Amino acid sequence: MSATKLRDHLVNALEDGKGQDILALEVSKLTPITDYMLLVSGTSNRHVKALVDRAVEAAKQFGEAPRGVEGRETYEWVLLDVGDVIVHVMQKDAREFYDLERLWSELPADNESTL
């Protein structure tokens, strides 16, 4: 199964759960750990929990058991590792504070680092 199809399947599940500001970043040229990162905002810790539960179920339906889920203690920022896709489900304040969009957009496109 392709990473692109998994990404699209997870995006659809998050859209169905009323996830806000869904962003799919293609990061395969920036890191060897995954092909895509999905960022999505939830309106509250309950909404974040519901989005995470929906994404976990969607991954299982796709045949990809999540490798790990971190952040369920507070549901401010939950990271879901589905291998080729990593999903960050965040409350708005956490997403603005950590600003992952900016972090990943500023990395060089090649794998050479300049120290």
PDB file of N, CA and C in Angstrom:
ATOM      1  N   MET A   1       0.846  -1.181   0.000  1.00  0.00           N
ATOM      2  CA  MET A   1       0.000   0.000   0.000  1.00  0.00           C
ATOM      3  C   MET A   1       0.891   1.243   0.000  1.00  0.00           C
ATOM      4  N   SER A   2       0.461   2.246  -0.686  1.00  0.00           N
ATOM      5  CA  SER A   2       1.314   3.428  -0.821  1.00  0.00           C
ATOM      6  C   SER A   2       1.108   4.410   0.333  1.00  0.00           C
ATOM      7  N   ALA A   3       2.176   5.145   0.605  1.00  0.00           N
ATOM      8  CA  ALA A   3       2.126   6.172   1.645  1.00  0.00           C
ATOM      9  C   ALA A   3       1.110   7.251   1.288  1.00  0.00           C
ATOM     10  N   THR A   4       0.993   7.548  -0.004  1.00  0.00           N
ATOM     11  CA  THR A   4       0.051   8.572  -0.446  1.00  0.00           C
ATOM     12  C   THR A   4      -1.387   8.154  -0.165  1.00  0.00           C
ATOM     13  N   LYS A   5      -1.706   6.902  -0.412  1.00  0.00           N
ATOM     14  CA  LYS A   5      -3.064   6.418  -0.140  1.00  0.00           C
ATOM     15  C   LYS A   5      -3.356   6.409   1.351  1.00  0.00           C
ATOM     16  N   LEU A   6      -2.365   6.018   2.158  1.00  0.00           N
ATOM     17  CA  LEU A   6      -2.535   6.052   3.607  1.00  0.00           C
ATOM     18  C   LEU A   6      -2.760   7.483   4.072  1.00  0.00           C
ATOM     19  N   ARG A   7      -1.947   8.410   3.557  1.00  0.00           N
ATOM     20  CA  ARG A   7      -2.115   9.834   3.896  1.00  0.00           C
ATOM     21  C   ARG A   7      -3.531  10.298   3.584  1.00  0.00           C
ATOM     22  N   ASP A   8      -4.000  10.001   2.376  1.00  0.00           N
ATOM     23  CA  ASP A   8      -5.334  10.436   1.959  1.00  0.00           C
ATOM     24  C   ASP A   8      -6.424   9.807   2.828  1.00  0.00           C
ATOM     25  N   HIS A   9      -6.247   8.542   3.177  1.00  0.00           N
ATOM     26  CA  HIS A   9      -7.221   7.850   4.025  1.00  0.00           C
ATOM     27  C   HIS A   9      -7.305   8.514   5.409  1.00  0.00           C
ATOM     28  N   LEU A  10      -6.149   8.849   5.970  1.00  0.00           N
ATOM     29  CA  LEU A  10      -6.128   9.509   7.275  1.00  0.00           C
ATOM     30  C   LEU A  10      -6.686  10.923   7.202  1.00  0.00           C
ATOM     31  N   VAL A  11      -6.373  11.651   6.141  1.00  0.00           N
ATOM     32  CA  VAL A  11      -6.924  13.003   5.970  1.00  0.00           C
ATOM     33  C   VAL A  11      -8.448  12.931   5.907  1.00  0.00           C
ATOM     34  N   ASN A  12      -8.988  11.973   5.162  1.00  0.00           N
ATOM     35  CA  ASN A  12     -10.448  11.830   5.074  1.00  0.00           C
ATOM     36  C   ASN A  12     -11.059  11.562   6.437  1.00  0.00           C
ATOM     37  N   ALA A  13     -10.417  10.706   7.224  1.00  0.00           N
ATOM     38  CA  ALA A  13     -10.925  10.401   8.565  1.00  0.00           C
ATOM     39  C   ALA A  13     -10.901  11.636   9.455  1.00  0.00           C
ATOM     40  N   LEU A  14      -9.833  12.421   9.361  1.00  0.00           N
ATOM     41  CA  LEU A  14      -9.729  13.640  10.170  1.00  0.00           C
ATOM     42  C   LEU A  14     -10.737  14.693   9.719  1.00  0.00           C
ATOM     43  N   GLU A  15     -10.967  14.779   8.414  1.00  0.00           N
ATOM     44  CA  GLU A  15     -11.992  15.705   7.902  1.00  0.00           C
ATOM     45  C   GLU A  15     -13.370  15.286   8.392  1.00  0.00           C
ATOM     46  N   ASP A  16     -13.654  13.992   8.365  1.00  0.00           N
ATOM     47  CA  ASP A  16     -14.946  13.498   8.857  1.00  0.00           C
ATOM     48  C   ASP A  16     -15.147  13.814  10.334  1.00  0.00           C
ATOM     49  N   GLY A  17     -14.049  13.880  11.079  1.00  0.00           N
ATOM     50  CA  GLY A  17     -14.118  14.206  12.505  1.00  0.00           C
ATOM     51  C   GLY A  17     -14.081  15.701  12.780  1.00  0.00           C
ATOM     52  N   LYS A  18     -14.202  16.506  11.721  1.00  0.00           N
ATOM     53  CA  LYS A  18     -14.210  17.975  11.839  1.00  0.00           C
ATOM     54  C   LYS A  18     -12.883  18.531  12.327  1.00  0.00           C
ATOM     55  N   GLY A  19     -11.779  17.854  11.970  1.00  0.00           N
ATOM     56  CA  GLY A  19     -10.455  18.388  12.258  1.00  0.00           C
ATOM     57  C   GLY A  19     -10.268  19.702  11.521  1.00  0.00           C
ATOM     58  N   GLN A  20      -9.563  20.627  12.142  1.00  0.00           N
ATOM     59  CA  GLN A  20      -9.392  21.963  11.570  1.00  0.00           C
ATOM     60  C   GLN A  20      -7.969  22.155  11.050  1.00  0.00           C
ATOM     61  N   ASP A  21      -7.857  22.958   9.997  1.00  0.00           N
ATOM     62  CA  ASP A  21      -6.555  23.348   9.442  1.00  0.00           C
ATOM     63  C   ASP A  21      -5.656  22.144   9.169  1.00  0.00           C
ATOM     64  N   ILE A  22      -6.195  21.153   8.478  1.00  0.00           N
ATOM     65  CA  ILE A  22      -5.425  19.950   8.169  1.00  0.00           C
ATOM     66  C   ILE A  22      -4.364  20.299   7.126  1.00  0.00           C
ATOM     67  N   LEU A  23      -3.136  19.915   7.435  1.00  0.00           N
ATOM     68  CA  LEU A  23      -2.019  20.178   6.538  1.00  0.00           C
ATOM     69  C   LEU A  23      -1.220  18.890   6.378  1.00  0.00           C
ATOM     70  N   ALA A  24      -0.965  18.494   5.135  1.00  0.00           N
ATOM     71  CA  ALA A  24      -0.142  17.328   4.837  1.00  0.00           C
ATOM     72  C   ALA A  24       1.199  17.823   4.298  1.00  0.00           C
ATOM     73  N   LEU A  25       2.268  17.465   4.977  1.00  0.00           N
ATOM     74  CA  LEU A  25       3.604  17.853   4.556  1.00  0.00           C
ATOM     75  C   LEU A  25       4.348  16.630   4.028  1.00  0.00           C
ATOM     76  N   GLU A  26       4.880  16.723   2.823  1.00  0.00           N
ATOM     77  CA  GLU A  26       5.688  15.658   2.251  1.00  0.00           C
ATOM     78  C   GLU A  26       7.106  15.874   2.748  1.00  0.00           C
ATOM     79  N   VAL A  27       7.618  14.972   3.590  1.00  0.00           N
ATOM     80  CA  VAL A  27       8.910  15.177   4.246  1.00  0.00           C
ATOM     81  C   VAL A  27       9.926  14.074   3.928  1.00  0.00           C
ATOM     82  N   SER A  28       9.637  13.244   2.957  1.00  0.00           N
ATOM     83  CA  SER A  28      10.520  12.102   2.673  1.00  0.00           C
ATOM     84  C   SER A  28      11.933  12.530   2.275  1.00  0.00           C
ATOM     85  N   LYS A  29      12.092  13.699   1.692  1.00  0.00           N
ATOM     86  CA  LYS A  29      13.424  14.179   1.317  1.00  0.00           C
ATOM     87  C   LYS A  29      14.115  14.895   2.474  1.00  0.00           C
ATOM     88  N   LEU A  30      13.379  15.140   3.548  1.00  0.00           N
ATOM     89  CA  LEU A  30      13.931  15.858   4.699  1.00  0.00           C
ATOM     90  C   LEU A  30      14.326  14.935   5.844  1.00  0.00           C
ATOM     91  N   THR A  31      13.690  13.757   5.912  1.00  0.00           N
ATOM     92  CA  THR A  31      13.940  12.839   7.019  1.00  0.00           C
ATOM     93  C   THR A  31      13.698  11.402   6.570  1.00  0.00           C
ATOM     94  N   PRO A  32      14.469  10.481   7.091  1.00  0.00           N
ATOM     95  CA  PRO A  32      14.249   9.077   6.738  1.00  0.00           C
ATOM     96  C   PRO A  32      13.168   8.399   7.581  1.00  0.00           C
ATOM     97  N   ILE A  33      12.609   9.087   8.558  1.00  0.00           N
ATOM     98  CA  ILE A  33      11.684   8.429   9.481  1.00  0.00           C
ATOM     99  C   ILE A  33      10.265   8.274   8.959  1.00  0.00           C
ATOM    100  N   THR A  34       9.861   9.093   7.994  1.00  0.00           N
ATOM    101  CA  THR A  34       8.494   9.031   7.489  1.00  0.00           C
ATOM    102  C   THR A  34       8.415   9.729   6.140  1.00  0.00           C
ATOM    103  N   ASP A  35       7.323   9.478   5.426  1.00  0.00           N
ATOM    104  CA  ASP A  35       7.106  10.149   4.149  1.00  0.00           C
ATOM    105  C   ASP A  35       6.247  11.405   4.296  1.00  0.00           C
ATOM    106  N   TYR A  36       5.261  11.338   5.187  1.00  0.00           N
ATOM    107  CA  TYR A  36       4.325  12.458   5.355  1.00  0.00           C
ATOM    108  C   TYR A  36       4.113  12.762   6.828  1.00  0.00           C
ATOM    109  N   MET A  37       3.896  14.029   7.105  1.00  0.00           N
ATOM    110  CA  MET A  37       3.423  14.465   8.415  1.00  0.00           C
ATOM    111  C   MET A  37       2.099  15.168   8.202  1.00  0.00           C
ATOM    112  N   LEU A  38       1.135  14.763   8.988  1.00  0.00           N
ATOM    113  CA  LEU A  38      -0.159  15.425   8.973  1.00  0.00           C
ATOM    114  C   LEU A  38      -0.266  16.260  10.237  1.00  0.00           C
ATOM    115  N   LEU A  39      -0.698  17.499  10.084  1.00  0.00           N
ATOM    116  CA  LEU A  39      -0.963  18.379  11.214  1.00  0.00           C
ATOM    117  C   LEU A  39      -2.441  18.716  11.186  1.00  0.00           C
ATOM    118  N   VAL A  40      -3.081  18.606  12.332  1.00  0.00           N
ATOM    119  CA  VAL A  40      -4.506  18.911  12.418  1.00  0.00           C
ATOM    120  C   VAL A  40      -4.786  19.502  13.796  1.00  0.00           C
ATOM    121  N   SER A  41      -5.703  20.450  13.837  1.00  0.00           N
ATOM    122  CA  SER A  41      -6.081  21.080  15.103  1.00  0.00           C
ATOM    123  C   SER A  41      -7.437  20.571  15.562  1.00  0.00           C
ATOM    124  N   GLY A  42      -7.539  20.417  16.877  1.00  0.00           N
ATOM    125  CA  GLY A  42      -8.806  20.120  17.523  1.00  0.00           C
ATOM    126  C   GLY A  42      -9.177  21.283  18.424  1.00  0.00           C
ATOM    127  N   THR A  43     -10.453  21.430  18.706  1.00  0.00           N
ATOM    128  CA  THR A  43     -10.930  22.593  19.453  1.00  0.00           C
ATOM    129  C   THR A  43     -10.826  22.450  20.970  1.00  0.00           C
ATOM    130  N   SER A  44     -10.635  21.229  21.459  1.00  0.00           N
ATOM    131  CA  SER A  44     -10.561  20.971  22.892  1.00  0.00           C
ATOM    132  C   SER A  44      -9.868  19.627  23.097  1.00  0.00           C
ATOM    133  N   ASN A  45      -9.583  19.274  24.361  1.00  0.00           N
ATOM    134  CA  ASN A  45      -8.957  17.980  24.580  1.00  0.00           C
ATOM    135  C   ASN A  45      -9.893  16.830  24.189  1.00  0.00           C
ATOM    136  N   ARG A  46     -11.181  17.022  24.341  1.00  0.00           N
ATOM    137  CA  ARG A  46     -12.137  15.990  23.898  1.00  0.00           C
ATOM    138  C   ARG A  46     -12.137  15.838  22.382  1.00  0.00           C
ATOM    139  N   HIS A  47     -12.056  16.954  21.679  1.00  0.00           N
ATOM    140  CA  HIS A  47     -12.024  16.907  20.221  1.00  0.00           C
ATOM    141  C   HIS A  47     -10.721  16.263  19.748  1.00  0.00           C
ATOM    142  N   VAL A  48      -9.602  16.615  20.384  1.00  0.00           N
ATOM    143  CA  VAL A  48      -8.321  15.995  20.034  1.00  0.00           C
ATOM    144  C   VAL A  48      -8.408  14.488  20.256  1.00  0.00           C
ATOM    145  N   LYS A  49      -8.963  14.067  21.389  1.00  0.00           N
ATOM    146  CA  LYS A  49      -9.116  12.634  21.672  1.00  0.00           C
ATOM    147  C   LYS A  49      -9.953  11.953  20.597  1.00  0.00           C
ATOM    148  N   ALA A  50     -11.056  12.573  20.219  1.00  0.00           N
ATOM    149  CA  ALA A  50     -11.924  11.988  19.192  1.00  0.00           C
ATOM    150  C   ALA A  50     -11.191  11.879  17.853  1.00  0.00           C
ATOM    151  N   LEU A  51     -10.400  12.899  17.502  1.00  0.00           N
ATOM    152  CA  LEU A  51      -9.636  12.857  16.255  1.00  0.00           C
ATOM    153  C   LEU A  51      -8.580  11.758  16.295  1.00  0.00           C
ATOM    154  N   VAL A  52      -7.906  11.618  17.419  1.00  0.00           N
ATOM    155  CA  VAL A  52      -6.901  10.564  17.563  1.00  0.00           C
ATOM    156  C   VAL A  52      -7.560   9.200  17.444  1.00  0.00           C
ATOM    157  N   ASP A  53      -8.662   9.004  18.143  1.00  0.00           N
ATOM    158  CA  ASP A  53      -9.375   7.718  18.073  1.00  0.00           C
ATOM    159  C   ASP A  53      -9.803   7.415  16.639  1.00  0.00           C
ATOM    160  N   ARG A  54     -10.271   8.420  15.944  1.00  0.00           N
ATOM    161  CA  ARG A  54     -10.705   8.260  14.549  1.00  0.00           C
ATOM    162  C   ARG A  54      -9.513   7.891  13.655  1.00  0.00           C
ATOM    163  N   ALA A  55      -8.374   8.552  13.866  1.00  0.00           N
ATOM    164  CA  ALA A  55      -7.190   8.263  13.060  1.00  0.00           C
ATOM    165  C   ALA A  55      -6.648   6.864  13.341  1.00  0.00           C
ATOM    166  N   VAL A  56      -6.657   6.454  14.595  1.00  0.00           N
ATOM    167  CA  VAL A  56      -6.218   5.095  14.948  1.00  0.00           C
ATOM    168  C   VAL A  56      -7.098   4.067  14.261  1.00  0.00           C
ATOM    169  N   GLU A  57      -8.403   4.265  14.319  1.00  0.00           N
ATOM    170  CA  GLU A  57      -9.335   3.332  13.685  1.00  0.00           C
ATOM    171  C   GLU A  57      -9.154   3.321  12.164  1.00  0.00           C
ATOM    172  N   ALA A  58      -8.958   4.486  11.573  1.00  0.00           N
ATOM    173  CA  ALA A  58      -8.753   4.563  10.123  1.00  0.00           C
ATOM    174  C   ALA A  58      -7.473   3.834   9.715  1.00  0.00           C
ATOM    175  N   ALA A  59      -6.417   3.990  10.500  1.00  0.00           N
ATOM    176  CA  ALA A  59      -5.158   3.300  10.196  1.00  0.00           C
ATOM    177  C   ALA A  59      -5.355   1.792  10.248  1.00  0.00           C
ATOM    178  N   LYS A  60      -6.058   1.322  11.267  1.00  0.00           N
ATOM    179  CA  LYS A  60      -6.319  -0.119  11.382  1.00  0.00           C
ATOM    180  C   LYS A  60      -7.153  -0.624  10.212  1.00  0.00           C
ATOM    181  N   GLN A  61      -8.163   0.142   9.807  1.00  0.00           N
ATOM    182  CA  GLN A  61      -8.990  -0.252   8.671  1.00  0.00           C
ATOM    183  C   GLN A  61      -8.162  -0.318   7.393  1.00  0.00           C
ATOM    184  N   PHE A  62      -7.142   0.488   7.309  1.00  0.00           N
ATOM    185  CA  PHE A  62      -6.266   0.523   6.142  1.00  0.00           C
ATOM    186  C   PHE A  62      -5.249  -0.623   6.178  1.00  0.00           C
ATOM    187  N   GLY A  63      -5.175  -1.297   7.321  1.00  0.00           N
ATOM    188  CA  GLY A  63      -4.226  -2.396   7.475  1.00  0.00           C
ATOM    189  C   GLY A  63      -2.901  -1.989   8.083  1.00  0.00           C
ATOM    190  N   GLU A  64      -2.850  -0.800   8.659  1.00  0.00           N
ATOM    191  CA  GLU A  64      -1.636  -0.289   9.286  1.00  0.00           C
ATOM    192  C   GLU A  64      -1.891  -0.052  10.770  1.00  0.00           C
ATOM    193  N   ALA A  65      -1.434  -0.967  11.593  1.00  0.00           N
ATOM    194  CA  ALA A  65      -1.578  -0.782  13.036  1.00  0.00           C
ATOM    195  C   ALA A  65      -0.629   0.327  13.482  1.00  0.00           C
ATOM    196  N   PRO A  66      -1.111   1.292  14.232  1.00  0.00           N
ATOM    197  CA  PRO A  66      -0.229   2.360  14.712  1.00  0.00           C
ATOM    198  C   PRO A  66       0.939   1.790  15.515  1.00  0.00           C
ATOM    199  N   ARG A  67       2.123   2.341  15.273  1.00  0.00           N
ATOM    200  CA  ARG A  67       3.328   1.889  15.975  1.00  0.00           C
ATOM    201  C   ARG A  67       3.452   2.524  17.344  1.00  0.00           C
ATOM    202  N   GLY A  68       2.797   3.653  17.523  1.00  0.00           N
ATOM    203  CA  GLY A  68       2.861   4.331  18.799  1.00  0.00           C
ATOM    204  C   GLY A  68       1.939   5.539  18.837  1.00  0.00           C
ATOM    205  N   VAL A  69       1.491   5.846  20.047  1.00  0.00           N
ATOM    206  CA  VAL A  69       0.674   7.031  20.277  1.00  0.00           C
ATOM    207  C   VAL A  69       1.214   7.691  21.541  1.00  0.00           C
ATOM    208  N   GLU A  70       1.609   8.945  21.429  1.00  0.00           N
ATOM    209  CA  GLU A  70       2.174   9.685  22.564  1.00  0.00           C
ATOM    210  C   GLU A  70       1.358  10.943  22.820  1.00  0.00           C
ATOM    211  N   GLY A  71       1.134  11.253  24.090  1.00  0.00           N
ATOM    212  CA  GLY A  71       0.483  12.507  24.448  1.00  0.00           C
ATOM    213  C   GLY A  71      -0.946  12.364  24.932  1.00  0.00           C
ATOM    214  N   ARG A  72      -1.368  11.149  25.205  1.00  0.00           N
ATOM    215  CA  ARG A  72      -2.755  10.948  25.640  1.00  0.00           C
ATOM    216  C   ARG A  72      -3.015  11.403  27.070  1.00  0.00           C
ATOM    217  N   GLU A  73      -1.974  11.804  27.777  1.00  0.00           N
ATOM    218  CA  GLU A  73      -2.169  12.247  29.159  1.00  0.00           C
ATOM    219  C   GLU A  73      -3.018  13.513  29.229  1.00  0.00           C
ATOM    220  N   THR A  74      -2.764  14.454  28.325  1.00  0.00           N
ATOM    221  CA  THR A  74      -3.472  15.734  28.384  1.00  0.00           C
ATOM    222  C   THR A  74      -4.285  16.038  27.130  1.00  0.00           C
ATOM    223  N   TYR A  75      -3.978  15.366  26.040  1.00  0.00           N
ATOM    224  CA  TYR A  75      -4.630  15.616  24.743  1.00  0.00           C
ATOM    225  C   TYR A  75      -4.460  17.066  24.277  1.00  0.00           C
ATOM    226  N   GLU A  76      -3.309  17.663  24.602  1.00  0.00           N
ATOM    227  CA  GLU A  76      -2.969  18.974  24.026  1.00  0.00           C
ATOM    228  C   GLU A  76      -2.253  18.780  22.695  1.00  0.00           C
ATOM    229  N   TRP A  77      -1.363  17.771  22.661  1.00  0.00           N
ATOM    230  CA  TRP A  77      -0.639  17.427  21.440  1.00  0.00           C
ATOM    231  C   TRP A  77      -0.438  15.925  21.472  1.00  0.00           C
ATOM    232  N   VAL A  78      -1.034  15.252  20.530  1.00  0.00           N
ATOM    233  CA  VAL A  78      -0.890  13.800  20.441  1.00  0.00           C
ATOM    234  C   VAL A  78      -0.199  13.470  19.124  1.00  0.00           C
ATOM    235  N   LEU A  79       0.831  12.630  19.212  1.00  0.00           N
ATOM    236  CA  LEU A  79       1.565  12.176  18.043  1.00  0.00           C
ATOM    237  C   LEU A  79       1.185  10.722  17.795  1.00  0.00           C
ATOM    238  N   LEU A  80       0.764  10.452  16.583  1.00  0.00           N
ATOM    239  CA  LEU A  80       0.371   9.111  16.163  1.00  0.00           C
ATOM    240  C   LEU A  80       1.323   8.667  15.063  1.00  0.00           C
ATOM    241  N   ASP A  81       2.084   7.605  15.319  1.00  0.00           N
ATOM    242  CA  ASP A  81       3.045   7.084  14.350  1.00  0.00           C
ATOM    243  C   ASP A  81       2.419   5.923  13.597  1.00  0.00           C
ATOM    244  N   VAL A  82       2.187   6.128  12.300  1.00  0.00           N
ATOM    245  CA  VAL A  82       1.621   5.081  11.455  1.00  0.00           C
ATOM    246  C   VAL A  82       2.653   4.679  10.392  1.00  0.00           C
ATOM    247  N   GLY A  83       3.924   4.850  10.719  1.00  0.00           N
ATOM    248  CA  GLY A  83       4.984   4.457   9.795  1.00  0.00           C
ATOM    249  C   GLY A  83       5.230   5.498   8.723  1.00  0.00           C
ATOM    250  N   ASP A  84       4.642   5.291   7.551  1.00  0.00           N
ATOM    251  CA  ASP A  84       4.842   6.225   6.443  1.00  0.00           C
ATOM    252  C   ASP A  84       4.170   7.570   6.665  1.00  0.00           C
ATOM    253  N   VAL A  85       3.304   7.650   7.661  1.00  0.00           N
ATOM    254  CA  VAL A  85       2.611   8.902   7.994  1.00  0.00           C
ATOM    255  C   VAL A  85       2.664   9.094   9.507  1.00  0.00           C
ATOM    256  N   ILE A  86       3.082  10.270   9.918  1.00  0.00           N
ATOM    257  CA  ILE A  86       3.027  10.648  11.331  1.00  0.00           C
ATOM    258  C   ILE A  86       1.982  11.746  11.452  1.00  0.00           C
ATOM    259  N   VAL A  87       1.072  11.572  12.395  1.00  0.00           N
ATOM    260  CA  VAL A  87      -0.041  12.501  12.571  1.00  0.00           C
ATOM    261  C   VAL A  87       0.157  13.260  13.879  1.00  0.00           C
ATOM    262  N   HIS A  88       0.117  14.589  13.794  1.00  0.00           N
ATOM    263  CA  HIS A  88       0.169  15.460  14.966  1.00  0.00           C
ATOM    264  C   HIS A  88      -1.221  16.065  15.134  1.00  0.00           C
ATOM    265  N   VAL A  89      -1.899  15.692  16.208  1.00  0.00           N
ATOM    266  CA  VAL A  89      -3.216  16.256  16.509  1.00  0.00           C
ATOM    267  C   VAL A  89      -3.017  17.184  17.697  1.00  0.00           C
ATOM    268  N   MET A  90      -3.296  18.477  17.482  1.00  0.00           N
ATOM    269  CA  MET A  90      -2.950  19.473  18.484  1.00  0.00           C
ATOM    270  C   MET A  90      -4.107  20.433  18.741  1.00  0.00           C
ATOM    271  N   GLN A  91      -4.179  20.908  19.984  1.00  0.00           N
ATOM    272  CA  GLN A  91      -5.064  22.027  20.253  1.00  0.00           C
ATOM    273  C   GLN A  91      -4.431  23.273  19.643  1.00  0.00           C
ATOM    274  N   LYS A  92      -5.250  24.250  19.354  1.00  0.00           N
ATOM    275  CA  LYS A  92      -4.800  25.449  18.632  1.00  0.00           C
ATOM    276  C   LYS A  92      -3.613  26.124  19.312  1.00  0.00           C
ATOM    277  N   ASP A  93      -3.670  26.302  20.630  1.00  0.00           N
ATOM    278  CA  ASP A  93      -2.584  26.986  21.337  1.00  0.00           C
ATOM    279  C   ASP A  93      -1.262  26.233  21.212  1.00  0.00           C
ATOM    280  N   ALA A  94      -1.305  24.924  21.335  1.00  0.00           N
ATOM    281  CA  ALA A  94      -0.088  24.119  21.203  1.00  0.00           C
ATOM    282  C   ALA A  94       0.451  24.185  19.779  1.00  0.00           C
ATOM    283  N   ARG A  95      -0.439  24.146  18.819  1.00  0.00           N
ATOM    284  CA  ARG A  95       0.007  24.203  17.422  1.00  0.00           C
ATOM    285  C   ARG A  95       0.668  25.538  17.111  1.00  0.00           C
ATOM    286  N   GLU A  96       0.106  26.620  17.612  1.00  0.00           N
ATOM    287  CA  GLU A  96       0.706  27.936  17.387  1.00  0.00           C
ATOM    288  C   GLU A  96       2.046  28.056  18.107  1.00  0.00           C
ATOM    289  N   PHE A  97       2.127  27.512  19.317  1.00  0.00           N
ATOM    290  CA  PHE A  97       3.356  27.621  20.105  1.00  0.00           C
ATOM    291  C   PHE A  97       4.502  26.853  19.454  1.00  0.00           C
ATOM    292  N   TYR A  98       4.265  25.602  19.068  1.00  0.00           N
ATOM    293  CA  TYR A  98       5.332  24.765  18.511  1.00  0.00           C
ATOM    294  C   TYR A  98       5.587  25.038  17.033  1.00  0.00           C
ATOM    295  N   ASP A  99       4.607  25.534  16.316  1.00  0.00           N
ATOM    296  CA  ASP A  99       4.754  26.001  14.931  1.00  0.00           C
ATOM    297  C   ASP A  99       5.529  25.015  14.056  1.00  0.00           C
ATOM    298  N   LEU A 100       5.068  23.778  14.019  1.00  0.00           N
ATOM    299  CA  LEU A 100       5.740  22.743  13.233  1.00  0.00           C
ATOM    300  C   LEU A 100       5.759  23.060  11.749  1.00  0.00           C
ATOM    301  N   GLU A 101       4.757  23.772  11.262  1.00  0.00           N
ATOM    302  CA  GLU A 101       4.744  24.149   9.845  1.00  0.00           C
ATOM    303  C   GLU A 101       5.996  24.939   9.480  1.00  0.00           C
ATOM    304  N   ARG A 102       6.331  25.911  10.307  1.00  0.00           N
ATOM    305  CA  ARG A 102       7.507  26.729  10.052  1.00  0.00           C
ATOM    306  C   ARG A 102       8.777  25.904  10.210  1.00  0.00           C
ATOM    307  N   LEU A 103       8.840  25.099  11.248  1.00  0.00           N
ATOM    308  CA  LEU A 103      10.018  24.275  11.500  1.00  0.00           C
ATOM    309  C   LEU A 103      10.338  23.391  10.298  1.00  0.00           C
ATOM    310  N   TRP A 104       9.343  22.692   9.784  1.00  0.00           N
ATOM    311  CA  TRP A 104       9.592  21.772   8.672  1.00  0.00           C
ATOM    312  C   TRP A 104       9.780  22.503   7.349  1.00  0.00           C
ATOM    313  N   SER A 105       9.224  23.680   7.190  1.00  0.00           N
ATOM    314  CA  SER A 105       9.403  24.401   5.931  1.00  0.00           C
ATOM    315  C   SER A 105      10.781  25.047   5.838  1.00  0.00           C
ATOM    316  N   GLU A 106      11.455  25.245   6.964  1.00  0.00           N
ATOM    317  CA  GLU A 106      12.763  25.884   6.964  1.00  0.00           C
ATOM    318  C   GLU A 106      13.913  24.905   6.809  1.00  0.00           C
ATOM    319  N   LEU A 107      13.659  23.609   6.836  1.00  0.00           N
ATOM    320  CA  LEU A 107      14.717  22.641   6.667  1.00  0.00           C
ATOM    321  C   LEU A 107      15.177  22.594   5.215  1.00  0.00           C
ATOM    322  N   PRO A 108      16.456  22.324   4.987  1.00  0.00           N
ATOM    323  CA  PRO A 108      16.922  22.222   3.599  1.00  0.00           C
ATOM    324  C   PRO A 108      16.286  21.021   2.906  1.00  0.00           C
ATOM    325  N   ALA A 109      16.076  21.138   1.619  1.00  0.00           N
ATOM    326  CA  ALA A 109      15.423  20.074   0.857  1.00  0.00           C
ATOM    327  C   ALA A 109      16.330  18.876   0.640  1.00  0.00           C
ATOM    328  N   ASP A 110      17.652  19.071   0.708  1.00  0.00           N
ATOM    329  CA  ASP A 110      18.535  17.920   0.563  1.00  0.00           C
ATOM    330  C   ASP A 110      18.873  17.391   1.946  1.00  0.00           C
ATOM    331  N   ASN A 111      19.532  16.262   1.993  1.00  0.00           N
ATOM    332  CA  ASN A 111      19.837  15.635   3.275  1.00  0.00           C
ATOM    333  C   ASN A 111      21.208  16.037   3.806  1.00  0.00           C
ATOM    334  N   GLU A 112      21.830  17.016   3.197  1.00  0.00           N
ATOM    335  CA  GLU A 112      23.121  17.493   3.677  1.00  0.00           C
ATOM    336  C   GLU A 112      22.896  18.612   4.680  1.00  0.00           C
ATOM    337  N   SER A 113      23.508  18.472   5.832  1.00  0.00           N
ATOM    338  CA  SER A 113      23.388  19.540   6.823  1.00  0.00           C
ATOM    339  C   SER A 113      24.618  20.423   6.756  1.00  0.00           C
ATOM    340  N   THR A 114      24.448  21.659   7.095  1.00  0.00           N
ATOM    341  CA  THR A 114      25.568  22.589   7.122  1.00  0.00           C
ATOM    342  C   THR A 114      25.834  22.959   8.568  1.00  0.00           C
ATOM    343  N   LEU A 115      26.981  22.519   9.060  1.00  0.00           N
ATOM    344  CA  LEU A 115      27.339  22.794  10.455  1.00  0.00           C
ATOM    345  C   LEU A 115      28.442  23.809  10.535  1.00  0.00           C
TER     346      LEU A 115
END
